[in-house]
């Protein structure tokens, strides 16, 4: 949803045809949609990553009633994600703190917030 080259997945335009196709695979039971927002502390740039996914979910659930979940939001933007309908959050940094990873160069620091969460 962010359009960043570092993130990929199913293109939004391909979602509804995919939902119709996945119904033909009896052992595959998706329960929602997921996105990673733009990595920014500017919530005016982050929120627009969540809104279209919620709208897509609302369309997809008409084709597959199980697609109610919305996995979106991380430590730095979880409040905005909740406001936009998130049902699953990824807040590992808030719980465990920032950790070094082999691909750490892809995650340039911790998005500053005023929520009292320290990197």
N, C-alpha and C. Protein backbone atom coordinates (compact mmCIF):
# COMPACT_ATOMS: atom_id res chain seq x y z
N UNK A 1 0.81 -1.19 0.00
CA UNK A 1 0.00 0.00 0.00
C UNK A 1 0.86 1.26 0.00
N UNK A 2 2.13 1.14 0.44
CA UNK A 2 2.99 2.32 0.50
C UNK A 2 3.63 2.66 -0.84
N UNK A 3 3.68 1.68 -1.73
CA UNK A 3 4.32 1.90 -3.03
C UNK A 3 5.84 1.87 -2.97
N UNK A 4 6.41 1.53 -1.81
CA UNK A 4 7.87 1.49 -1.68
C UNK A 4 8.42 0.25 -2.37
N UNK A 5 9.58 0.40 -3.01
CA UNK A 5 10.21 -0.72 -3.70
C UNK A 5 10.64 -1.83 -2.75
N UNK A 6 10.89 -1.48 -1.49
CA UNK A 6 11.36 -2.47 -0.53
C UNK A 6 10.24 -3.38 -0.03
N UNK A 7 9.00 -3.05 -0.38
CA UNK A 7 7.85 -3.84 0.06
C UNK A 7 7.11 -4.36 -1.16
N UNK A 8 6.66 -5.58 -1.05
CA UNK A 8 5.96 -6.15 -2.20
C UNK A 8 4.90 -7.12 -1.72
N UNK A 9 4.08 -7.51 -2.62
CA UNK A 9 2.99 -8.44 -2.33
C UNK A 9 1.99 -8.35 -3.45
N UNK A 10 0.78 -8.68 -3.14
CA UNK A 10 -0.28 -8.65 -4.12
C UNK A 10 -0.66 -7.20 -4.42
N UNK A 11 -0.70 -6.84 -5.69
CA UNK A 11 -1.09 -5.49 -6.07
C UNK A 11 -2.57 -5.30 -5.72
N UNK A 12 -2.94 -4.13 -5.22
CA UNK A 12 -4.34 -3.90 -4.84
C UNK A 12 -5.35 -4.24 -5.93
N UNK A 13 -5.00 -3.97 -7.19
CA UNK A 13 -5.92 -4.27 -8.30
C UNK A 13 -6.11 -5.76 -8.51
N UNK A 14 -5.20 -6.56 -7.99
CA UNK A 14 -5.28 -8.00 -8.17
C UNK A 14 -6.00 -8.71 -7.03
N UNK A 15 -6.40 -7.96 -6.01
CA UNK A 15 -6.97 -8.60 -4.82
C UNK A 15 -8.27 -9.35 -5.09
N UNK A 16 -9.25 -8.70 -5.66
CA UNK A 16 -10.55 -9.36 -5.84
C UNK A 16 -10.47 -10.58 -6.75
N UNK A 17 -9.75 -10.53 -7.87
CA UNK A 17 -9.59 -11.77 -8.65
C UNK A 17 -8.88 -12.86 -7.85
N UNK A 18 -7.91 -12.48 -7.03
CA UNK A 18 -7.21 -13.46 -6.20
C UNK A 18 -8.16 -14.10 -5.20
N UNK A 19 -9.00 -13.28 -4.56
CA UNK A 19 -9.95 -13.80 -3.58
C UNK A 19 -10.87 -14.82 -4.24
N UNK A 20 -11.32 -14.55 -5.44
CA UNK A 20 -12.18 -15.50 -6.15
C UNK A 20 -11.44 -16.78 -6.50
N UNK A 21 -10.16 -16.67 -6.82
CA UNK A 21 -9.35 -17.84 -7.16
C UNK A 21 -9.03 -18.67 -5.92
N UNK A 22 -8.69 -18.01 -4.83
CA UNK A 22 -8.28 -18.72 -3.62
C UNK A 22 -9.44 -19.54 -3.04
N UNK A 23 -10.67 -19.14 -3.34
CA UNK A 23 -11.82 -19.92 -2.89
C UNK A 23 -11.83 -21.32 -3.49
N UNK A 24 -11.12 -21.51 -4.59
CA UNK A 24 -11.06 -22.81 -5.25
C UNK A 24 -10.03 -23.74 -4.62
N UNK A 25 -9.27 -23.24 -3.65
CA UNK A 25 -8.26 -24.05 -2.96
C UNK A 25 -8.80 -24.36 -1.56
N UNK A 26 -9.36 -25.55 -1.37
CA UNK A 26 -10.10 -25.82 -0.14
C UNK A 26 -9.28 -25.76 1.15
N UNK A 27 -8.00 -26.04 1.09
CA UNK A 27 -7.19 -26.05 2.32
C UNK A 27 -6.56 -24.70 2.65
N UNK A 28 -6.72 -23.75 1.78
CA UNK A 28 -6.19 -22.41 2.00
C UNK A 28 -7.35 -21.53 2.46
N UNK A 29 -7.24 -21.04 3.70
CA UNK A 29 -8.32 -20.26 4.28
C UNK A 29 -7.80 -18.92 4.80
N UNK A 30 -7.62 -17.95 3.91
CA UNK A 30 -7.15 -16.64 4.38
C UNK A 30 -8.19 -16.00 5.29
N UNK A 31 -7.71 -15.24 6.27
CA UNK A 31 -8.63 -14.63 7.23
C UNK A 31 -8.51 -13.12 7.28
N UNK A 32 -7.73 -12.53 6.38
CA UNK A 32 -7.61 -11.09 6.37
C UNK A 32 -6.53 -10.61 5.43
N UNK A 33 -6.27 -9.33 5.51
CA UNK A 33 -5.27 -8.67 4.67
C UNK A 33 -4.22 -8.01 5.55
N UNK A 34 -3.04 -7.78 4.99
CA UNK A 34 -1.93 -7.22 5.77
C UNK A 34 -1.18 -6.20 4.93
N UNK A 35 -0.70 -5.16 5.60
CA UNK A 35 0.17 -4.19 4.94
C UNK A 35 1.20 -3.66 5.93
N UNK A 36 2.28 -3.18 5.40
CA UNK A 36 3.28 -2.42 6.15
C UNK A 36 3.22 -1.01 5.60
N UNK A 37 3.01 -0.05 6.45
CA UNK A 37 2.92 1.34 6.01
C UNK A 37 4.30 1.89 5.65
N UNK A 38 4.27 3.04 5.05
CA UNK A 38 5.49 3.81 4.80
C UNK A 38 6.21 4.01 6.13
N UNK A 39 7.52 3.81 6.15
CA UNK A 39 8.29 3.99 7.38
C UNK A 39 8.58 5.46 7.57
N UNK A 40 7.77 6.10 8.39
CA UNK A 40 7.90 7.54 8.60
C UNK A 40 7.28 7.90 9.94
N UNK A 41 7.77 8.94 10.54
CA UNK A 41 7.14 9.45 11.77
C UNK A 41 6.04 10.45 11.44
N UNK A 42 5.87 10.78 10.16
CA UNK A 42 4.83 11.70 9.71
C UNK A 42 3.55 10.91 9.47
N UNK A 43 2.64 10.95 10.44
CA UNK A 43 1.42 10.15 10.36
C UNK A 43 0.52 10.58 9.21
N UNK A 44 0.69 11.80 8.71
CA UNK A 44 -0.08 12.24 7.54
C UNK A 44 0.34 11.46 6.30
N UNK A 45 1.54 10.90 6.31
CA UNK A 45 2.01 10.05 5.21
C UNK A 45 1.72 8.58 5.48
N UNK A 46 1.66 8.20 6.74
CA UNK A 46 1.45 6.80 7.12
C UNK A 46 -0.01 6.39 6.96
N UNK A 47 -0.91 7.20 7.48
CA UNK A 47 -2.34 6.86 7.47
C UNK A 47 -2.86 6.49 6.08
N UNK A 48 -2.46 7.19 5.02
CA UNK A 48 -2.95 6.81 3.69
C UNK A 48 -2.56 5.40 3.24
N UNK A 49 -1.66 4.76 3.94
CA UNK A 49 -1.34 3.35 3.64
C UNK A 49 -2.39 2.42 4.24
N UNK A 50 -3.05 2.85 5.30
CA UNK A 50 -4.04 2.02 5.99
C UNK A 50 -5.42 2.13 5.38
N UNK A 51 -5.81 3.32 5.00
CA UNK A 51 -7.18 3.57 4.53
C UNK A 51 -7.54 2.70 3.32
N UNK A 52 -6.70 2.65 2.27
CA UNK A 52 -7.10 1.84 1.12
C UNK A 52 -7.16 0.33 1.42
N UNK A 53 -6.35 -0.14 2.38
CA UNK A 53 -6.42 -1.56 2.71
C UNK A 53 -7.75 -1.87 3.39
N UNK A 54 -8.20 -0.99 4.26
CA UNK A 54 -9.50 -1.20 4.90
C UNK A 54 -10.60 -1.21 3.84
N UNK A 55 -10.53 -0.32 2.89
CA UNK A 55 -11.54 -0.28 1.82
C UNK A 55 -11.50 -1.55 0.97
N UNK A 56 -10.29 -2.02 0.69
CA UNK A 56 -10.17 -3.28 -0.06
C UNK A 56 -10.74 -4.45 0.73
N UNK A 57 -10.45 -4.48 2.02
CA UNK A 57 -11.00 -5.54 2.87
C UNK A 57 -12.53 -5.50 2.85
N UNK A 58 -13.10 -4.31 2.90
CA UNK A 58 -14.55 -4.19 2.89
C UNK A 58 -15.15 -4.74 1.59
N UNK A 59 -14.44 -4.59 0.48
CA UNK A 59 -14.90 -5.17 -0.79
C UNK A 59 -14.68 -6.68 -0.80
N UNK A 60 -13.51 -7.11 -0.33
CA UNK A 60 -13.15 -8.53 -0.37
C UNK A 60 -14.06 -9.37 0.51
N UNK A 61 -14.47 -8.84 1.65
CA UNK A 61 -15.30 -9.60 2.58
C UNK A 61 -16.67 -9.92 1.97
N UNK A 62 -17.07 -9.18 0.97
CA UNK A 62 -18.33 -9.48 0.26
C UNK A 62 -18.18 -10.75 -0.58
N UNK A 63 -16.94 -11.08 -0.96
CA UNK A 63 -16.66 -12.29 -1.74
C UNK A 63 -16.27 -13.46 -0.85
N UNK A 64 -15.69 -13.14 0.31
CA UNK A 64 -15.25 -14.18 1.25
C UNK A 64 -15.44 -13.63 2.66
N UNK A 65 -16.47 -14.11 3.33
CA UNK A 65 -16.84 -13.58 4.65
C UNK A 65 -15.76 -13.75 5.70
N UNK A 66 -14.79 -14.63 5.48
CA UNK A 66 -13.73 -14.86 6.46
C UNK A 66 -12.65 -13.79 6.42
N UNK A 67 -12.63 -12.95 5.42
CA UNK A 67 -11.57 -11.95 5.25
C UNK A 67 -11.83 -10.70 6.09
N UNK A 68 -12.05 -10.86 7.36
CA UNK A 68 -12.36 -9.73 8.23
C UNK A 68 -11.14 -9.07 8.85
N UNK A 69 -10.03 -9.79 8.94
CA UNK A 69 -8.85 -9.27 9.62
C UNK A 69 -8.11 -8.20 8.85
N UNK A 70 -7.52 -7.28 9.60
CA UNK A 70 -6.65 -6.26 9.03
C UNK A 70 -5.38 -6.19 9.87
N UNK A 71 -4.31 -6.73 9.34
CA UNK A 71 -3.02 -6.69 10.02
C UNK A 71 -2.26 -5.49 9.49
N UNK A 72 -2.26 -4.44 10.28
CA UNK A 72 -1.56 -3.22 9.89
C UNK A 72 -1.26 -2.44 11.15
N UNK A 73 -0.11 -1.84 11.18
CA UNK A 73 0.30 -1.06 12.34
C UNK A 73 1.46 -1.72 13.06
N UNK A 74 2.43 -0.89 13.39
CA UNK A 74 3.61 -1.33 14.13
C UNK A 74 3.80 -0.39 15.32
N UNK A 75 4.87 -0.55 16.04
CA UNK A 75 5.11 0.22 17.25
C UNK A 75 4.94 1.73 17.02
N UNK A 76 5.44 2.24 15.93
CA UNK A 76 5.42 3.68 15.69
C UNK A 76 4.12 4.23 15.15
N UNK A 77 3.20 3.36 14.71
CA UNK A 77 1.97 3.87 14.08
C UNK A 77 0.72 3.08 14.46
N UNK A 78 0.79 2.35 15.56
CA UNK A 78 -0.34 1.47 15.89
C UNK A 78 -1.63 2.20 16.20
N UNK A 79 -1.55 3.40 16.78
CA UNK A 79 -2.78 4.12 17.10
C UNK A 79 -3.54 4.51 15.83
N UNK A 80 -2.82 4.97 14.83
CA UNK A 80 -3.45 5.32 13.56
C UNK A 80 -4.03 4.08 12.90
N UNK A 81 -3.30 2.98 12.99
CA UNK A 81 -3.79 1.73 12.41
C UNK A 81 -5.09 1.28 13.08
N UNK A 82 -5.15 1.38 14.39
CA UNK A 82 -6.38 1.02 15.11
C UNK A 82 -7.52 1.92 14.67
N UNK A 83 -7.25 3.21 14.56
CA UNK A 83 -8.29 4.14 14.13
C UNK A 83 -8.82 3.80 12.74
N UNK A 84 -7.97 3.19 11.92
CA UNK A 84 -8.38 2.82 10.56
C UNK A 84 -8.88 1.38 10.47
N UNK A 85 -9.02 0.69 11.61
CA UNK A 85 -9.66 -0.62 11.60
C UNK A 85 -8.77 -1.82 11.82
N UNK A 86 -7.52 -1.63 12.19
CA UNK A 86 -6.62 -2.76 12.40
C UNK A 86 -7.18 -3.72 13.45
N UNK A 87 -7.02 -5.01 13.17
CA UNK A 87 -7.40 -6.04 14.14
C UNK A 87 -6.17 -6.80 14.65
N UNK A 88 -5.04 -6.63 13.98
CA UNK A 88 -3.77 -7.25 14.37
C UNK A 88 -2.70 -6.18 14.28
N UNK A 89 -1.87 -6.07 15.32
CA UNK A 89 -0.77 -5.10 15.35
C UNK A 89 0.55 -5.84 15.54
N UNK A 90 1.64 -5.25 15.05
CA UNK A 90 2.97 -5.80 15.26
C UNK A 90 3.74 -4.76 16.09
N UNK A 91 3.85 -4.99 17.38
CA UNK A 91 4.46 -4.01 18.28
C UNK A 91 5.65 -4.60 19.02
N UNK A 92 6.43 -5.40 18.35
CA UNK A 92 7.59 -6.05 18.96
C UNK A 92 8.61 -5.09 19.52
N UNK A 93 8.87 -3.97 18.84
CA UNK A 93 9.87 -3.03 19.36
C UNK A 93 9.40 -2.40 20.66
N UNK A 94 8.10 -2.20 20.81
CA UNK A 94 7.58 -1.63 22.06
C UNK A 94 7.77 -2.61 23.21
N UNK A 95 7.70 -3.90 22.91
CA UNK A 95 7.82 -4.93 23.94
C UNK A 95 9.27 -5.31 24.20
N UNK A 96 10.01 -5.58 23.12
CA UNK A 96 11.35 -6.14 23.24
C UNK A 96 12.47 -5.15 22.97
N UNK A 97 12.13 -3.97 22.45
CA UNK A 97 13.15 -2.98 22.10
C UNK A 97 13.71 -3.25 20.71
N UNK A 98 14.46 -2.29 20.24
CA UNK A 98 15.08 -2.42 18.93
C UNK A 98 16.16 -3.48 18.99
N UNK A 99 16.26 -4.29 17.96
CA UNK A 99 17.27 -5.35 17.95
C UNK A 99 18.05 -5.30 16.65
N UNK A 100 19.32 -5.62 16.72
CA UNK A 100 20.10 -5.66 15.48
C UNK A 100 19.68 -6.86 14.64
N UNK A 101 19.57 -6.63 13.35
CA UNK A 101 19.22 -7.71 12.44
C UNK A 101 20.14 -7.65 11.23
N UNK A 102 20.30 -8.78 10.54
CA UNK A 102 21.16 -8.77 9.35
C UNK A 102 20.70 -7.79 8.28
N UNK A 103 19.39 -7.52 8.23
CA UNK A 103 18.89 -6.58 7.24
C UNK A 103 18.57 -5.22 7.85
N UNK A 104 19.24 -4.90 8.96
CA UNK A 104 19.00 -3.66 9.68
C UNK A 104 19.15 -2.42 8.82
N UNK A 105 19.96 -2.52 7.77
CA UNK A 105 20.12 -1.35 6.89
C UNK A 105 18.81 -1.00 6.18
N UNK A 106 17.87 -1.93 6.13
CA UNK A 106 16.57 -1.65 5.50
C UNK A 106 15.63 -0.89 6.44
N UNK A 107 15.95 -0.86 7.73
CA UNK A 107 15.10 -0.22 8.73
C UNK A 107 15.91 0.87 9.42
N UNK A 108 15.98 2.04 8.83
CA UNK A 108 16.87 3.09 9.33
C UNK A 108 16.39 3.72 10.63
N UNK A 109 16.59 3.04 11.72
CA UNK A 109 16.25 3.60 13.02
C UNK A 109 14.81 3.38 13.41
N UNK A 110 14.44 3.99 14.44
CA UNK A 110 13.11 3.84 15.02
C UNK A 110 12.33 5.12 14.76
N UNK A 111 11.11 4.99 14.25
CA UNK A 111 10.29 6.18 13.99
C UNK A 111 9.98 6.86 15.30
N UNK A 112 10.42 8.10 15.49
CA UNK A 112 10.15 8.78 16.74
C UNK A 112 8.66 9.00 16.95
N UNK A 113 8.22 8.87 18.18
CA UNK A 113 6.82 9.11 18.49
C UNK A 113 6.74 9.91 19.78
N UNK A 114 5.57 10.40 20.05
CA UNK A 114 5.34 11.10 21.32
C UNK A 114 4.60 10.18 22.29
N UNK A 115 4.68 8.89 22.06
CA UNK A 115 3.93 7.92 22.86
C UNK A 115 4.74 7.37 24.03
N UNK A 116 5.91 7.91 24.26
CA UNK A 116 6.71 7.46 25.39
C UNK A 116 7.43 6.16 25.15
N UNK A 117 7.49 5.70 23.91
CA UNK A 117 8.16 4.44 23.59
C UNK A 117 9.58 4.78 23.15
N UNK A 118 10.52 4.25 23.85
CA UNK A 118 11.92 4.53 23.55
C UNK A 118 12.48 3.46 22.62
N UNK A 119 13.35 3.84 21.70
CA UNK A 119 13.98 2.84 20.82
C UNK A 119 14.90 1.93 21.61
